[in-house]
């Protein structure tokens, strides 16, 4: 299975992926990355922060954008080249995050796609905003 080639993509086309963030997700992410910041892993510590509870790692949330790119748009075979990201609001345990990627610009000469990327929580609040550059899969040789 291969994703869409540059010729198959259209500006404005979008795809999304939604996931409810669990406590397990946070601990698994911490274990894989080594990021055991107590703001994510220690409720007593987190109660004293301005969030008043543990929050998900920002990069865990940003990783959901990668899921959209790899599995949906452009899809399998896509190479992620860059991602800018701004974290706008916290993601808490139990929040459902919807990651969205939208084709913003096509560059046929370089086989590049500029994507608008963002994540919303279950209340429609934008928790992350950014932009990605990807290289979609090339058409199979005939």
N, C-alpha and C. Protein backbone atom coordinates (compact mmCIF):
# COMPACT_ATOMS: atom_id res chain seq x y z
N UNK A 1 0.85 -1.18 0.00
CA UNK A 1 0.00 0.00 0.00
C UNK A 1 0.90 1.24 0.00
N UNK A 2 0.59 2.17 -0.88
CA UNK A 2 1.36 3.40 -1.00
C UNK A 2 0.41 4.59 -0.89
N UNK A 3 0.91 5.66 -0.29
CA UNK A 3 0.10 6.87 -0.16
C UNK A 3 -0.03 7.60 -1.49
N UNK A 4 -0.61 8.78 -1.41
CA UNK A 4 -0.83 9.59 -2.60
C UNK A 4 0.47 10.24 -3.07
N UNK A 5 0.66 10.23 -4.37
CA UNK A 5 1.80 10.92 -4.97
C UNK A 5 1.46 12.40 -5.05
N UNK A 6 2.47 13.21 -5.35
CA UNK A 6 2.24 14.65 -5.46
C UNK A 6 1.16 14.95 -6.50
N UNK A 7 1.16 14.24 -7.61
CA UNK A 7 0.17 14.47 -8.67
C UNK A 7 -1.26 14.16 -8.21
N UNK A 8 -1.40 13.32 -7.20
CA UNK A 8 -2.73 12.94 -6.71
C UNK A 8 -3.25 13.88 -5.61
N UNK A 9 -2.39 14.72 -5.10
CA UNK A 9 -2.78 15.62 -4.00
C UNK A 9 -3.35 16.93 -4.52
N UNK A 10 -4.22 17.54 -3.71
CA UNK A 10 -4.83 18.82 -4.07
C UNK A 10 -4.74 19.77 -2.88
N UNK A 11 -4.45 21.03 -3.16
CA UNK A 11 -4.43 22.05 -2.11
C UNK A 11 -5.79 22.08 -1.44
N UNK A 12 -5.80 22.11 -0.14
CA UNK A 12 -7.05 22.10 0.64
C UNK A 12 -7.46 20.72 1.11
N UNK A 13 -6.90 19.69 0.53
CA UNK A 13 -7.21 18.32 0.95
C UNK A 13 -6.71 18.13 2.38
N UNK A 14 -7.48 17.43 3.19
CA UNK A 14 -7.08 17.24 4.59
C UNK A 14 -7.45 15.86 5.08
N UNK A 15 -6.77 15.49 6.15
CA UNK A 15 -7.04 14.21 6.82
C UNK A 15 -6.83 14.43 8.31
N UNK A 16 -7.37 13.51 9.12
CA UNK A 16 -7.24 13.66 10.56
C UNK A 16 -7.15 12.30 11.25
N UNK A 17 -6.70 12.37 12.50
CA UNK A 17 -6.58 11.20 13.37
C UNK A 17 -6.94 11.65 14.77
N UNK A 18 -7.77 10.89 15.46
CA UNK A 18 -8.17 11.24 16.83
C UNK A 18 -7.77 10.15 17.80
N UNK A 19 -7.36 10.57 18.99
CA UNK A 19 -6.96 9.63 20.04
C UNK A 19 -7.24 10.25 21.39
N UNK A 20 -7.79 9.44 22.30
CA UNK A 20 -7.96 9.87 23.68
C UNK A 20 -6.68 9.51 24.43
N UNK A 21 -6.08 10.52 25.06
CA UNK A 21 -4.80 10.35 25.74
C UNK A 21 -5.03 9.71 27.10
N UNK A 22 -4.36 8.60 27.33
CA UNK A 22 -4.50 7.87 28.59
C UNK A 22 -3.25 8.05 29.45
N UNK A 23 -3.38 7.67 30.71
CA UNK A 23 -2.24 7.67 31.61
C UNK A 23 -1.15 6.75 31.07
N UNK A 24 -1.56 5.62 30.53
CA UNK A 24 -0.60 4.68 29.94
C UNK A 24 0.19 5.32 28.81
N UNK A 25 -0.48 6.09 27.98
CA UNK A 25 0.20 6.76 26.87
C UNK A 25 1.33 7.65 27.40
N UNK A 26 1.05 8.38 28.46
CA UNK A 26 2.05 9.29 29.03
C UNK A 26 3.23 8.51 29.59
N UNK A 27 2.97 7.44 30.33
CA UNK A 27 4.07 6.65 30.90
C UNK A 27 4.85 5.91 29.81
N UNK A 28 4.17 5.41 28.79
CA UNK A 28 4.87 4.74 27.70
C UNK A 28 5.75 5.72 26.94
N UNK A 29 5.24 6.92 26.69
CA UNK A 29 6.03 7.94 26.01
C UNK A 29 7.26 8.31 26.85
N UNK A 30 7.05 8.49 28.15
CA UNK A 30 8.16 8.80 29.05
C UNK A 30 9.22 7.69 29.01
N UNK A 31 8.77 6.45 29.01
CA UNK A 31 9.70 5.32 28.98
C UNK A 31 10.49 5.25 27.69
N UNK A 32 9.83 5.50 26.58
CA UNK A 32 10.51 5.42 25.28
C UNK A 32 11.49 6.58 25.12
N UNK A 33 11.10 7.78 25.53
CA UNK A 33 11.94 8.96 25.30
C UNK A 33 12.88 9.28 26.45
N UNK A 34 12.57 8.78 27.65
CA UNK A 34 13.36 9.13 28.83
C UNK A 34 12.94 10.45 29.46
N UNK A 35 11.86 11.05 28.98
CA UNK A 35 11.37 12.33 29.51
C UNK A 35 10.42 12.06 30.67
N UNK A 36 10.98 12.05 31.87
CA UNK A 36 10.18 11.82 33.07
C UNK A 36 9.93 13.11 33.84
N UNK A 37 9.77 14.21 33.11
CA UNK A 37 9.44 15.49 33.74
C UNK A 37 8.25 15.27 34.68
N UNK A 38 8.36 15.69 35.95
CA UNK A 38 7.26 15.44 36.88
C UNK A 38 5.96 16.15 36.51
N UNK A 39 6.02 17.12 35.62
CA UNK A 39 4.77 17.75 35.15
C UNK A 39 3.90 16.74 34.40
N UNK A 40 4.55 15.66 33.92
CA UNK A 40 3.84 14.61 33.18
C UNK A 40 3.59 13.37 34.03
N UNK A 41 4.48 13.10 34.98
CA UNK A 41 4.48 11.79 35.64
C UNK A 41 4.22 11.80 37.14
N UNK A 42 4.14 12.98 37.76
CA UNK A 42 3.99 13.04 39.21
C UNK A 42 2.84 13.97 39.57
N UNK A 43 1.72 13.40 39.97
CA UNK A 43 0.51 14.19 40.25
C UNK A 43 0.73 15.19 41.38
N UNK A 44 1.43 14.79 42.43
CA UNK A 44 1.66 15.71 43.56
C UNK A 44 2.46 16.93 43.10
N UNK A 45 3.47 16.71 42.31
CA UNK A 45 4.25 17.82 41.76
C UNK A 45 3.36 18.67 40.85
N UNK A 46 2.62 18.01 39.96
CA UNK A 46 1.82 18.71 38.96
C UNK A 46 0.72 19.57 39.60
N UNK A 47 0.22 19.16 40.76
CA UNK A 47 -0.81 19.95 41.46
C UNK A 47 -0.30 21.35 41.80
N UNK A 48 1.01 21.50 41.92
CA UNK A 48 1.61 22.79 42.29
C UNK A 48 1.95 23.66 41.07
N UNK A 49 1.74 23.13 39.86
CA UNK A 49 2.00 23.91 38.65
C UNK A 49 0.75 24.71 38.28
N UNK A 50 0.89 25.60 37.31
CA UNK A 50 -0.28 26.39 36.91
C UNK A 50 -1.31 25.56 36.16
N UNK A 51 -0.98 24.32 35.77
CA UNK A 51 -1.96 23.44 35.14
C UNK A 51 -2.79 22.68 36.17
N UNK A 52 -2.27 22.57 37.40
CA UNK A 52 -2.96 21.93 38.54
C UNK A 52 -3.14 20.43 38.42
N UNK A 53 -2.61 19.84 37.37
CA UNK A 53 -2.66 18.39 37.17
C UNK A 53 -1.62 18.03 36.14
N UNK A 54 -1.37 16.72 35.99
CA UNK A 54 -0.42 16.27 34.98
C UNK A 54 -0.93 16.59 33.59
N UNK A 55 0.02 16.87 32.71
CA UNK A 55 -0.31 17.11 31.30
C UNK A 55 0.50 16.16 30.44
N UNK A 56 0.01 15.92 29.24
CA UNK A 56 0.73 15.08 28.29
C UNK A 56 1.95 15.81 27.75
N UNK A 57 2.95 15.07 27.37
CA UNK A 57 4.12 15.64 26.71
C UNK A 57 3.66 16.34 25.43
N UNK A 58 4.18 17.52 25.19
CA UNK A 58 3.82 18.22 23.95
C UNK A 58 4.19 17.42 22.71
N UNK A 59 5.33 16.76 22.77
CA UNK A 59 5.75 16.00 21.59
C UNK A 59 4.94 14.73 21.39
N UNK A 60 4.30 14.23 22.44
CA UNK A 60 3.35 13.13 22.27
C UNK A 60 2.20 13.61 21.39
N UNK A 61 1.69 14.78 21.71
CA UNK A 61 0.61 15.38 20.92
C UNK A 61 1.08 15.62 19.48
N UNK A 62 2.27 16.18 19.32
CA UNK A 62 2.80 16.44 17.98
C UNK A 62 2.96 15.14 17.19
N UNK A 63 3.23 14.04 17.90
CA UNK A 63 3.37 12.76 17.23
C UNK A 63 2.10 12.30 16.52
N UNK A 64 0.96 12.79 16.97
CA UNK A 64 -0.29 12.42 16.31
C UNK A 64 -0.34 12.97 14.88
N UNK A 65 0.35 14.08 14.65
CA UNK A 65 0.43 14.63 13.29
C UNK A 65 1.19 13.65 12.39
N UNK A 66 2.24 13.07 12.93
CA UNK A 66 2.99 12.07 12.17
C UNK A 66 2.10 10.91 11.76
N UNK A 67 1.18 10.54 12.63
CA UNK A 67 0.24 9.46 12.31
C UNK A 67 -0.60 9.83 11.09
N UNK A 68 -1.06 11.08 11.04
CA UNK A 68 -1.86 11.52 9.89
C UNK A 68 -1.03 11.41 8.61
N UNK A 69 0.20 11.93 8.67
CA UNK A 69 1.06 11.93 7.48
C UNK A 69 1.37 10.51 7.01
N UNK A 70 1.73 9.64 7.95
CA UNK A 70 2.16 8.28 7.61
C UNK A 70 1.04 7.38 7.14
N UNK A 71 -0.13 7.56 7.74
CA UNK A 71 -1.22 6.61 7.47
C UNK A 71 -2.32 7.13 6.56
N UNK A 72 -2.44 8.46 6.44
CA UNK A 72 -3.60 9.01 5.74
C UNK A 72 -3.25 9.98 4.62
N UNK A 73 -2.45 10.99 4.90
CA UNK A 73 -2.22 12.05 3.90
C UNK A 73 -0.83 12.64 4.05
N UNK A 74 0.03 12.47 3.11
CA UNK A 74 -0.10 11.72 1.89
C UNK A 74 -0.24 10.20 2.09
N UNK A 75 0.26 9.67 3.21
CA UNK A 75 0.07 8.25 3.48
C UNK A 75 1.36 7.46 3.43
N UNK A 76 1.24 6.13 3.41
CA UNK A 76 2.41 5.26 3.47
C UNK A 76 3.45 5.62 2.41
N UNK A 77 4.71 5.66 2.84
CA UNK A 77 5.81 6.02 1.95
C UNK A 77 6.21 7.48 2.05
N UNK A 78 5.44 8.28 2.78
CA UNK A 78 5.75 9.69 2.95
C UNK A 78 6.98 9.84 3.83
N UNK A 79 7.85 10.78 3.45
CA UNK A 79 9.03 11.10 4.25
C UNK A 79 8.82 12.48 4.87
N UNK A 80 8.89 12.51 6.19
CA UNK A 80 8.73 13.74 6.98
C UNK A 80 10.06 14.50 6.92
N UNK A 81 10.05 15.73 6.45
CA UNK A 81 11.28 16.51 6.33
C UNK A 81 11.43 17.57 7.41
N UNK A 82 10.33 18.22 7.78
CA UNK A 82 10.42 19.22 8.85
C UNK A 82 9.04 19.44 9.44
N UNK A 83 9.05 19.96 10.67
CA UNK A 83 7.81 20.28 11.37
C UNK A 83 8.09 21.44 12.31
N UNK A 84 7.32 22.51 12.17
CA UNK A 84 7.35 23.57 13.17
C UNK A 84 6.10 23.38 14.02
N UNK A 85 6.21 23.72 15.29
CA UNK A 85 5.08 23.50 16.18
C UNK A 85 5.06 24.54 17.28
N UNK A 86 3.87 25.00 17.60
CA UNK A 86 3.64 25.87 18.75
C UNK A 86 2.61 25.18 19.63
N UNK A 87 2.93 25.06 20.91
CA UNK A 87 2.02 24.44 21.87
C UNK A 87 1.16 25.54 22.46
N UNK A 88 -0.15 25.45 22.26
CA UNK A 88 -1.06 26.54 22.61
C UNK A 88 -1.85 26.30 23.89
N UNK A 89 -2.11 25.05 24.21
CA UNK A 89 -2.91 24.72 25.39
C UNK A 89 -2.52 23.32 25.86
N UNK A 90 -2.70 23.03 27.15
CA UNK A 90 -2.31 21.72 27.66
C UNK A 90 -3.26 20.61 27.20
N UNK A 91 -2.70 19.41 27.12
CA UNK A 91 -3.48 18.20 26.88
C UNK A 91 -3.42 17.40 28.17
N UNK A 92 -4.58 17.09 28.71
CA UNK A 92 -4.67 16.37 29.98
C UNK A 92 -5.08 14.91 29.74
N UNK A 93 -4.82 14.07 30.72
CA UNK A 93 -5.27 12.69 30.66
C UNK A 93 -6.78 12.68 30.46
N UNK A 94 -7.25 11.92 29.50
CA UNK A 94 -8.68 11.85 29.18
C UNK A 94 -9.10 12.76 28.04
N UNK A 95 -8.25 13.70 27.65
CA UNK A 95 -8.58 14.56 26.51
C UNK A 95 -8.51 13.76 25.21
N UNK A 96 -9.43 14.04 24.31
CA UNK A 96 -9.37 13.46 22.98
C UNK A 96 -8.80 14.50 22.04
N UNK A 97 -7.68 14.15 21.45
CA UNK A 97 -6.96 15.06 20.55
C UNK A 97 -7.21 14.62 19.12
N UNK A 98 -7.57 15.58 18.27
CA UNK A 98 -7.71 15.32 16.85
C UNK A 98 -6.61 16.08 16.13
N UNK A 99 -5.71 15.33 15.49
CA UNK A 99 -4.63 15.92 14.69
C UNK A 99 -5.12 16.06 13.26
N UNK A 100 -4.85 17.23 12.67
CA UNK A 100 -5.30 17.52 11.31
C UNK A 100 -4.10 17.97 10.48
N UNK A 101 -4.03 17.47 9.27
CA UNK A 101 -3.03 17.91 8.30
C UNK A 101 -3.76 18.29 7.02
N UNK A 102 -3.42 19.46 6.49
CA UNK A 102 -4.07 19.99 5.28
C UNK A 102 -3.01 20.41 4.28
N UNK A 103 -3.19 19.99 3.03
CA UNK A 103 -2.26 20.38 1.97
C UNK A 103 -2.37 21.88 1.75
N UNK A 104 -1.25 22.58 1.92
CA UNK A 104 -1.23 24.03 1.75
C UNK A 104 -0.55 24.45 0.45
N UNK A 105 0.46 23.68 0.03
CA UNK A 105 1.21 24.06 -1.17
C UNK A 105 1.90 22.83 -1.74
N UNK A 106 1.92 22.75 -3.07
CA UNK A 106 2.58 21.65 -3.77
C UNK A 106 3.80 22.20 -4.50
N UNK A 107 4.92 21.50 -4.41
CA UNK A 107 6.16 21.88 -5.09
C UNK A 107 6.61 20.71 -5.96
N UNK A 108 6.09 20.64 -7.20
CA UNK A 108 6.39 19.51 -8.07
C UNK A 108 7.88 19.38 -8.41
N UNK A 109 8.59 20.48 -8.54
CA UNK A 109 10.00 20.43 -8.91
C UNK A 109 10.82 19.66 -7.88
N UNK A 110 10.47 19.79 -6.60
CA UNK A 110 11.24 19.14 -5.53
C UNK A 110 10.50 17.96 -4.90
N UNK A 111 9.29 17.67 -5.41
CA UNK A 111 8.45 16.62 -4.82
C UNK A 111 8.25 16.87 -3.32
N UNK A 112 7.80 18.08 -3.02
CA UNK A 112 7.56 18.50 -1.63
C UNK A 112 6.13 19.00 -1.48
N UNK A 113 5.62 18.82 -0.27
CA UNK A 113 4.28 19.31 0.07
C UNK A 113 4.40 20.08 1.38
N UNK A 114 3.88 21.30 1.39
CA UNK A 114 3.78 22.05 2.64
C UNK A 114 2.40 21.79 3.21
N UNK A 115 2.37 21.36 4.47
CA UNK A 115 1.11 20.99 5.13
C UNK A 115 0.85 21.92 6.31
N UNK A 116 -0.37 22.43 6.43
CA UNK A 116 -0.80 23.08 7.66
C UNK A 116 -1.12 21.96 8.64
N UNK A 117 -0.65 22.07 9.86
CA UNK A 117 -0.89 21.03 10.85
C UNK A 117 -1.40 21.66 12.14
N UNK A 118 -2.33 20.98 12.77
CA UNK A 118 -2.81 21.46 14.07
C UNK A 118 -3.53 20.34 14.79
N UNK A 119 -3.70 20.54 16.10
CA UNK A 119 -4.44 19.57 16.92
C UNK A 119 -5.49 20.31 17.72
N UNK A 120 -6.66 19.71 17.82
CA UNK A 120 -7.77 20.24 18.60
C UNK A 120 -8.12 19.26 19.71
N UNK A 121 -8.58 19.79 20.85
CA UNK A 121 -9.09 18.87 21.87
C UNK A 121 -10.59 18.66 21.66
N UNK A 122 -11.19 17.89 22.54
CA UNK A 122 -12.60 17.53 22.39
C UNK A 122 -13.54 18.74 22.47
N UNK A 123 -13.05 19.87 22.99
CA UNK A 123 -13.86 21.08 23.07
C UNK A 123 -13.63 22.02 21.89
N UNK A 124 -12.84 21.56 20.91
CA UNK A 124 -12.55 22.38 19.74
C UNK A 124 -11.46 23.41 19.99
N UNK A 125 -10.77 23.32 21.12
CA UNK A 125 -9.68 24.25 21.43
C UNK A 125 -8.42 23.77 20.72
N UNK A 126 -7.78 24.70 20.01
CA UNK A 126 -6.54 24.36 19.31
C UNK A 126 -5.43 24.27 20.36
N UNK A 127 -4.85 23.08 20.49
CA UNK A 127 -3.80 22.85 21.49
C UNK A 127 -2.41 22.91 20.87
N UNK A 128 -2.33 22.80 19.56
CA UNK A 128 -1.06 22.80 18.85
C UNK A 128 -1.30 23.36 17.46
N UNK A 129 -0.34 24.14 16.97
CA UNK A 129 -0.42 24.69 15.62
C UNK A 129 0.95 24.56 14.99
N UNK A 130 0.99 24.30 13.69
CA UNK A 130 2.28 24.17 13.05
C UNK A 130 2.21 24.02 11.55
N UNK A 131 3.35 23.65 11.00
CA UNK A 131 3.48 23.47 9.56
C UNK A 131 4.53 22.39 9.32
N UNK A 132 4.29 21.57 8.33
CA UNK A 132 5.21 20.48 8.00
C UNK A 132 5.59 20.54 6.53
N UNK A 133 6.76 20.03 6.24
CA UNK A 133 7.18 19.80 4.86
C UNK A 133 7.41 18.29 4.74
N UNK A 134 6.78 17.69 3.75
CA UNK A 134 6.93 16.26 3.53
C UNK A 134 7.24 15.99 2.06
N UNK A 135 7.80 14.82 1.83
CA UNK A 135 8.01 14.33 0.48
C UNK A 135 7.08 13.13 0.31
N UNK A 136 6.05 13.27 -0.52
CA UNK A 136 5.12 12.15 -0.71
C UNK A 136 5.77 11.04 -1.50
N UNK A 137 5.19 9.85 -1.45
CA UNK A 137 5.76 8.75 -2.24
C UNK A 137 5.74 9.08 -3.73
N UNK A 138 6.71 8.53 -4.43
CA UNK A 138 6.74 8.72 -5.89
C UNK A 138 5.93 7.62 -6.55
N UNK A 139 5.45 7.90 -7.72
CA UNK A 139 4.69 6.91 -8.49
C UNK A 139 5.60 5.73 -8.80
N UNK A 140 5.08 4.51 -8.74
CA UNK A 140 5.90 3.35 -9.07
C UNK A 140 6.38 3.41 -10.51
N UNK A 141 7.59 2.93 -10.73
CA UNK A 141 8.14 2.90 -12.09
C UNK A 141 7.43 1.85 -12.90
N UNK A 142 7.15 2.17 -14.15
CA UNK A 142 6.44 1.24 -15.02
C UNK A 142 7.39 0.47 -15.89
